[in-house]
C-alpha atoms as a PDB file:
ATOM      1  CA  MET A   1     126.238 123.254  91.917  1.00  0.00           C
ATOM      2  CA  ASP A   2     125.120 123.614  94.999  1.00  0.00           C
ATOM      3  CA  TRP A   3     121.708 122.345  96.954  1.00  0.00           C
ATOM      4  CA  THR A   4     119.970 126.214  96.036  1.00  0.00           C
ATOM      5  CA  ASP A   5     120.921 126.307  92.451  1.00  0.00           C
ATOM      6  CA  LEU A   6     119.844 122.601  91.922  1.00  0.00           C
ATOM      7  CA  ILE A   7     116.613 123.144  93.422  1.00  0.00           C
ATOM      8  CA  ASP A   8     116.202 126.597  92.059  1.00  0.00           C
ATOM      9  CA  THR A   9     116.652 125.627  88.313  1.00  0.00           C
ATOM     10  CA  ALA A  10     113.856 122.388  88.832  1.00  0.00           C
ATOM     11  CA  PHE A  11     111.116 124.555  90.304  1.00  0.00           C
ATOM     12  CA  THR A  12     111.697 126.922  87.314  1.00  0.00           C
ATOM     13  CA  VAL A  13     110.934 124.154  85.269  1.00  0.00           C
ATOM     14  CA  ALA A  14     108.078 123.075  87.888  1.00  0.00           C
ATOM     15  CA  GLY A  15     106.497 126.309  87.460  1.00  0.00           C
ATOM     16  CA  ASN A  16     105.622 125.985  91.643  1.00  0.00           C
ATOM     17  CA  SER A  17     107.197 128.795  93.934  1.00  0.00           C
ATOM     18  CA  ASP A  18     107.932 127.536  96.626  1.00  0.00           C
ATOM     19  CA  ARG A  19     111.559 127.539  96.374  1.00  0.00           C
ATOM     20  CA  ALA A  20     112.718 128.696  99.695  1.00  0.00           C
ATOM     21  CA  ASP A  21     110.846 125.858 101.419  1.00  0.00           C
ATOM     22  CA  ALA A  22     112.184 123.281  99.350  1.00  0.00           C
ATOM     23  CA  VAL A  23     115.569 124.110 100.299  1.00  0.00           C
ATOM     24  CA  ARG A  24     115.479 124.451 103.974  1.00  0.00           C
ATOM     25  CA  THR A  25     113.349 120.795 103.655  1.00  0.00           C
ATOM     26  CA  VAL A  26     116.259 119.324 101.841  1.00  0.00           C
ATOM     27  CA  GLU A  27     119.156 121.418 103.510  1.00  0.00           C
ATOM     28  CA  ALA A  28     117.870 119.935 107.021  1.00  0.00           C
ATOM     29  CA  ALA A  29     117.403 116.133 105.788  1.00  0.00           C
ATOM     30  CA  VAL A  30     120.770 116.350 103.977  1.00  0.00           C
ATOM     31  CA  ILE A  31     122.881 113.301 105.191  1.00  0.00           C
ATOM     32  CA  GLY A  32     126.855 114.217 106.265  1.00  0.00           C
ATOM     33  CA  GLY A  33     128.779 113.569 102.819  1.00  0.00           C
ATOM     34  CA  GLU A  34     125.954 114.073 100.586  1.00  0.00           C
ATOM     35  CA  ASN A  35     125.908 116.245  97.659  1.00  0.00           C
ATOM     36  CA  PRO A  36     123.348 117.265  94.648  1.00  0.00           C
ATOM     37  CA  VAL A  37     124.095 115.878  91.684  1.00  0.00           C
ATOM     38  CA  ALA A  38     121.280 116.405  89.335  1.00  0.00           C
ATOM     39  CA  SER A  39     117.143 117.689  89.550  1.00  0.00           C
ATOM     40  CA  THR A  40     114.189 117.498  86.875  1.00  0.00           C
ATOM     41  CA  ALA A  41     110.389 118.225  87.167  1.00  0.00           C
ATOM     42  CA  GLY A  42     107.777 115.504  87.833  1.00  0.00           C
ATOM     43  CA  ARG A  43     104.798 114.827  88.876  1.00  0.00           C
ATOM     44  CA  HIS A  44     103.922 111.867  91.316  1.00  0.00           C
ATOM     45  CA  PRO A  45     100.181 110.188  90.209  1.00  0.00           C
ATOM     46  CA  ASP A  46      98.692 111.215  93.660  1.00  0.00           C
ATOM     47  CA  HIS A  47      99.112 114.764  92.914  1.00  0.00           C
ATOM     48  CA  PHE A  48      98.199 117.477  90.233  1.00  0.00           C
ATOM     49  CA  ARG A  49     100.595 120.085  90.188  1.00  0.00           C
ATOM     50  CA  LYS A  50     104.438 119.028  89.262  1.00  0.00           C
ATOM     51  CA  GLY A  51     107.070 118.925  92.093  1.00  0.00           C
ATOM     52  CA  VAL A  52     110.907 117.988  91.798  1.00  0.00           C
ATOM     53  CA  LEU A  53     113.098 115.043  91.258  1.00  0.00           C
ATOM     54  CA  VAL A  54     116.466 115.680  92.563  1.00  0.00           C
ATOM     55  CA  LEU A  55     119.465 112.876  92.843  1.00  0.00           C
ATOM     56  CA  THR A  56     122.089 112.925  95.309  1.00  0.00           C
ATOM     57  CA  THR A  57     125.359 111.040  95.620  1.00  0.00           C
ATOM     58  CA  HIS A  58     123.375 109.024  98.324  1.00  0.00           C
ATOM     59  CA  ARG A  59     119.096 109.259  97.358  1.00  0.00           C
ATOM     60  CA  LEU A  60     116.453 110.296  94.882  1.00  0.00           C
ATOM     61  CA  LEU A  61     113.975 112.783  97.099  1.00  0.00           C
ATOM     62  CA  PHE A  62     110.425 113.858  95.820  1.00  0.00           C
ATOM     63  CA  LEU A  63     110.132 117.488  96.961  1.00  0.00           C
ATOM     64  CA  LYS A  64     106.529 119.295  96.612  1.00  0.00           C
ATOM     65  CA  ASP A  65     104.565 122.107  98.522  1.00  0.00           C
ATOM     66  CA  GLY A  66     107.760 122.399 100.657  1.00  0.00           C
ATOM     67  CA  LYS A  67     106.925 118.940 102.594  1.00  0.00           C
ATOM     68  CA  PRO A  68     109.557 116.476 104.027  1.00  0.00           C
ATOM     69  CA  PRO A  69     111.179 114.421 100.441  1.00  0.00           C
ATOM     70  CA  VAL A  70     109.993 110.963 100.327  1.00  0.00           C
ATOM     71  CA  PRO A  71     113.544 109.852  99.940  1.00  0.00           C
ATOM     72  CA  VAL A  72     114.555 106.458  97.687  1.00  0.00           C
ATOM     73  CA  PRO A  73     118.027 105.224  98.776  1.00  0.00           C
ATOM     74  CA  LEU A  74     120.156 104.771  95.450  1.00  0.00           C
ATOM     75  CA  SER A  75     121.770 101.292  96.857  1.00  0.00           C
ATOM     76  CA  ALA A  76     118.620  99.933  96.514  1.00  0.00           C
ATOM     77  CA  VAL A  77     117.574 101.239  93.356  1.00  0.00           C
ATOM     78  CA  THR A  78     117.519  98.326  91.168  1.00  0.00           C
ATOM     79  CA  ASP A  79     115.859  99.707  87.151  1.00  0.00           C
ATOM     80  CA  ALA A  80     114.681 103.311  85.963  1.00  0.00           C
ATOM     81  CA  THR A  81     112.849 102.685  83.097  1.00  0.00           C
ATOM     82  CA  VAL A  82     110.838 105.735  80.828  1.00  0.00           C
ATOM     83  CA  ALA A  83     108.049 105.028  79.079  1.00  0.00           C
ATOM     84  CA  ARG A  84     105.923 107.697  76.608  1.00  0.00           C
ATOM     85  CA  THR A  85     102.504 108.211  77.181  1.00  0.00           C
ATOM     86  CA  LYS A  86      99.773 110.452  75.354  1.00  0.00           C
ATOM     87  CA  LEU A  87      97.854 111.131  78.865  1.00  0.00           C
ATOM     88  CA  ASN A  88     100.878 111.277  81.265  1.00  0.00           C
ATOM     89  CA  GLY A  89     103.831 111.999  79.152  1.00  0.00           C
ATOM     90  CA  ASP A  90     107.392 110.957  79.864  1.00  0.00           C
ATOM     91  CA  VAL A  91     106.771 108.687  83.040  1.00  0.00           C
ATOM     92  CA  LEU A  92     109.742 107.436  84.745  1.00  0.00           C
ATOM     93  CA  THR A  93     109.471 103.971  86.536  1.00  0.00           C
ATOM     94  CA  VAL A  94     112.175 103.529  89.560  1.00  0.00           C
ATOM     95  CA  VAL A  95     112.110  99.967  91.000  1.00  0.00           C
ATOM     96  CA  ALA A  96     113.929  99.403  94.194  1.00  0.00           C
ATOM     97  CA  LEU A  97     114.175  97.237  96.927  1.00  0.00           C
ATOM     98  CA  THR A  98     111.932  99.455  98.820  1.00  0.00           C
ATOM     99  CA  GLY A  99     109.435  99.675  96.466  1.00  0.00           C
ATOM    100  CA  SER A 100     108.084 100.560  93.026  1.00  0.00           C
ATOM    101  CA  HIS A 101     108.047 104.328  92.416  1.00  0.00           C
ATOM    102  CA  ARG A 102     105.981 106.195  89.385  1.00  0.00           C
ATOM    103  CA  PHE A 103     106.531 109.750  88.203  1.00  0.00           C
ATOM    104  CA  GLU A 104     104.597 111.089  85.719  1.00  0.00           C
ATOM    105  CA  ASP A 105     105.216 114.102  83.164  1.00  0.00           C
ATOM    106  CA  VAL A 106     108.758 113.861  84.102  1.00  0.00           C
ATOM    107  CA  VAL A 107     111.340 116.589  82.029  1.00  0.00           C
ATOM    108  CA  LYS A 108     114.053 115.259  80.274  1.00  0.00           C
ATOM    109  CA  ALA A 109     113.100 112.202  81.664  1.00  0.00           C
ATOM    110  CA  ASP A 110     115.535 109.795  79.640  1.00  0.00           C
ATOM    111  CA  VAL A 111     118.720 112.155  80.603  1.00  0.00           C
ATOM    112  CA  PHE A 112     117.672 111.596  83.860  1.00  0.00           C
ATOM    113  CA  ALA A 113     117.142 108.205  84.406  1.00  0.00           C
ATOM    114  CA  GLU A 114     120.644 107.380  82.874  1.00  0.00           C
ATOM    115  CA  GLN A 115     121.669 109.443  85.433  1.00  0.00           C
ATOM    116  CA  LEU A 116     120.211 108.267  88.086  1.00  0.00           C
ATOM    117  CA  ARG A 117     120.951 104.166  86.904  1.00  0.00           C
ATOM    118  CA  ALA A 118     124.604 105.635  86.915  1.00  0.00           C
ATOM    119  CA  ALA A 119     124.775 106.872  90.452  1.00  0.00           C
ATOM    120  CA  ALA A 120     122.618 103.710  91.697  1.00  0.00           C
ATOM    121  CA  GLY A 121     124.960 101.601  90.429  1.00  0.00           C
ATOM    122  CA  ARG A 122     128.174 103.542  91.957  1.00  0.00           C
ATOM    123  CA  ALA A 123     126.395 103.498  95.239  1.00  0.00           C
ATOM    124  CA  ARG A 124     125.816  99.625  95.030  1.00  0.00           C
ATOM    125  CA  THR A 125     129.228  99.317  94.399  1.00  0.00           C
ATOM    126  CA  VAL A 126     130.993 101.931  97.062  1.00  0.00           C
ATOM    127  CA  PRO A 127     131.711  99.803 100.473  1.00  0.00           C
ATOM    128  CA  ALA A 128     130.086 100.515 103.320  1.00  0.00           C
ATOM    129  CA  ALA A 129     132.252 101.369 106.405  1.00  0.00           C
ATOM    130  CA  ALA A 130     132.148  98.138 108.644  1.00  0.00           C
ATOM    131  CA  SER A 131     133.701  97.738 112.125  1.00  0.00           C
ATOM    132  CA  ALA A 132     134.717  94.822 111.274  1.00  0.00           C
ATOM    133  CA  PRO A 133     136.825  93.270 108.180  1.00  0.00           C
ATOM    134  CA  VAL A 134     135.011  91.033 106.597  1.00  0.00           C
ATOM    135  CA  PRO A 135     136.030  89.266 103.542  1.00  0.00           C
ATOM    136  CA  ALA A 136     134.726  90.592 100.297  1.00  0.00           C
ATOM    137  CA  GLU A 137     133.656  88.161  98.689  1.00  0.00           C
ATOM    138  CA  ALA A 138     131.133  86.856 101.516  1.00  0.00           C
ATOM    139  CA  ASP A 139     130.465  90.525 102.030  1.00  0.00           C
ATOM    140  CA  ALA A 140     129.147  90.635  98.609  1.00  0.00           C
ATOM    141  CA  GLY A 141     127.657  87.417  98.431  1.00  0.00           C
ATOM    142  CA  GLY A 142     125.505  88.487 101.569  1.00  0.00           C
ATOM    143  CA  GLN A 143     124.701  91.460 100.410  1.00  0.00           C
ATOM    144  CA  LEU A 144     123.110  90.057  96.873  1.00  0.00           C
ATOM    145  CA  VAL A 145     121.447  87.560  98.795  1.00  0.00           C
ATOM    146  CA  ASP A 146     119.503  90.033 100.660  1.00  0.00           C
ATOM    147  CA  GLN A 147     118.609  92.317  98.064  1.00  0.00           C
ATOM    148  CA  LEU A 148     117.562  89.387  95.948  1.00  0.00           C
ATOM    149  CA  GLU A 149     115.007  88.196  98.692  1.00  0.00           C
ATOM    150  CA  ARG A 150     113.626  91.864  99.219  1.00  0.00           C
ATOM    151  CA  LEU A 151     113.276  91.785  95.428  1.00  0.00           C
ATOM    152  CA  ALA A 152     111.077  88.727  95.951  1.00  0.00           C
ATOM    153  CA  ALA A 153     109.064  89.882  98.642  1.00  0.00           C
ATOM    154  CA  LEU A 154     108.265  92.925  97.130  1.00  0.00           C
ATOM    155  CA  HIS A 155     107.136  90.986  94.004  1.00  0.00           C
ATOM    156  CA  ARG A 156     105.347  88.143  95.843  1.00  0.00           C
ATOM    157  CA  SER A 157     103.451  91.243  97.596  1.00  0.00           C
ATOM    158  CA  GLY A 158     102.494  92.779  94.200  1.00  0.00           C
ATOM    159  CA  ALA A 159     104.409  95.670  94.970  1.00  0.00           C
ATOM    160  CA  LEU A 160     106.577  94.706  91.679  1.00  0.00           C
ATOM    161  CA  THR A 161     105.370  93.474  88.244  1.00  0.00           C
ATOM    162  CA  ASP A 162     106.581  89.932  86.621  1.00  0.00           C
ATOM    163  CA  GLU A 163     108.493  92.540  84.126  1.00  0.00           C
ATOM    164  CA  GLU A 164     109.872  94.762  86.774  1.00  0.00           C
ATOM    165  CA  PHE A 165     110.743  91.643  89.070  1.00  0.00           C
ATOM    166  CA  THR A 166     112.888  89.884  85.774  1.00  0.00           C
ATOM    167  CA  ARG A 167     114.674  93.250  85.482  1.00  0.00           C
ATOM    168  CA  ALA A 168     115.539  94.022  88.528  1.00  0.00           C
ATOM    169  CA  LYS A 169     116.802  90.273  89.961  1.00  0.00           C
ATOM    170  CA  ALA A 170     118.685  90.789  86.089  1.00  0.00           C
ATOM    171  CA  ARG A 171     120.625  93.879  87.341  1.00  0.00           C
ATOM    172  CA  LEU A 172     121.637  92.663  90.841  1.00  0.00           C
ATOM    173  CA  ILE A 173     123.232  89.473  89.106  1.00  0.00           C
ATOM    174  CA  GLY A 174     124.564  91.054  86.286  1.00  0.00           C
END
C-alpha cells in the first residue's frame, strides 16, 4: 500500500473530497525512510467535519482540509486508549510526551489503537543512529529518565490526568 491508497481509503471513509491536497501535503512532509502503516477517519474535538488519521513508521498525522499535518512522533507515544461514548462515538486518546491528543468518532478505533501501540513500541526499541558509540544500558537508562521527566512535566502542567500519567509511566517502565 502506498501513500495515495492509504489516504484515499481514509478519505472515502471520512466522506471528504480533498484527497489530492491531502496526498500532496503528506508527501511534502514525509521524512526520508518513512512509510505508511495504516489510516482511519476521525474528528478532532475542535472540528466539525472528519479528517484522516495516518499512521506511519515514524509518526501519527492528523489531516484535515489539505492543511499541514499535525505530527505526533511515535517514539513519544506512551499510550493509546479507546472509550465509547453516546455523543462522540469511539474516542481515541493518544498520550505522548508531547501532550495528550483526543480524536472522536474514530472508525475502527480499536484496530487503529492496537496498530498505533505496536508501531510506537517498535519506534521506541529501534536504536537511533549515534555519532559516538554509547553503551546500550547507559543510553537506554538516559532515554528512560528523559522520557519520565517529560512525562512528569506534562502531568504537572495539567496536560495529563493522574490516570493518564500513571498508565504512561507504567508503559515506559515496562
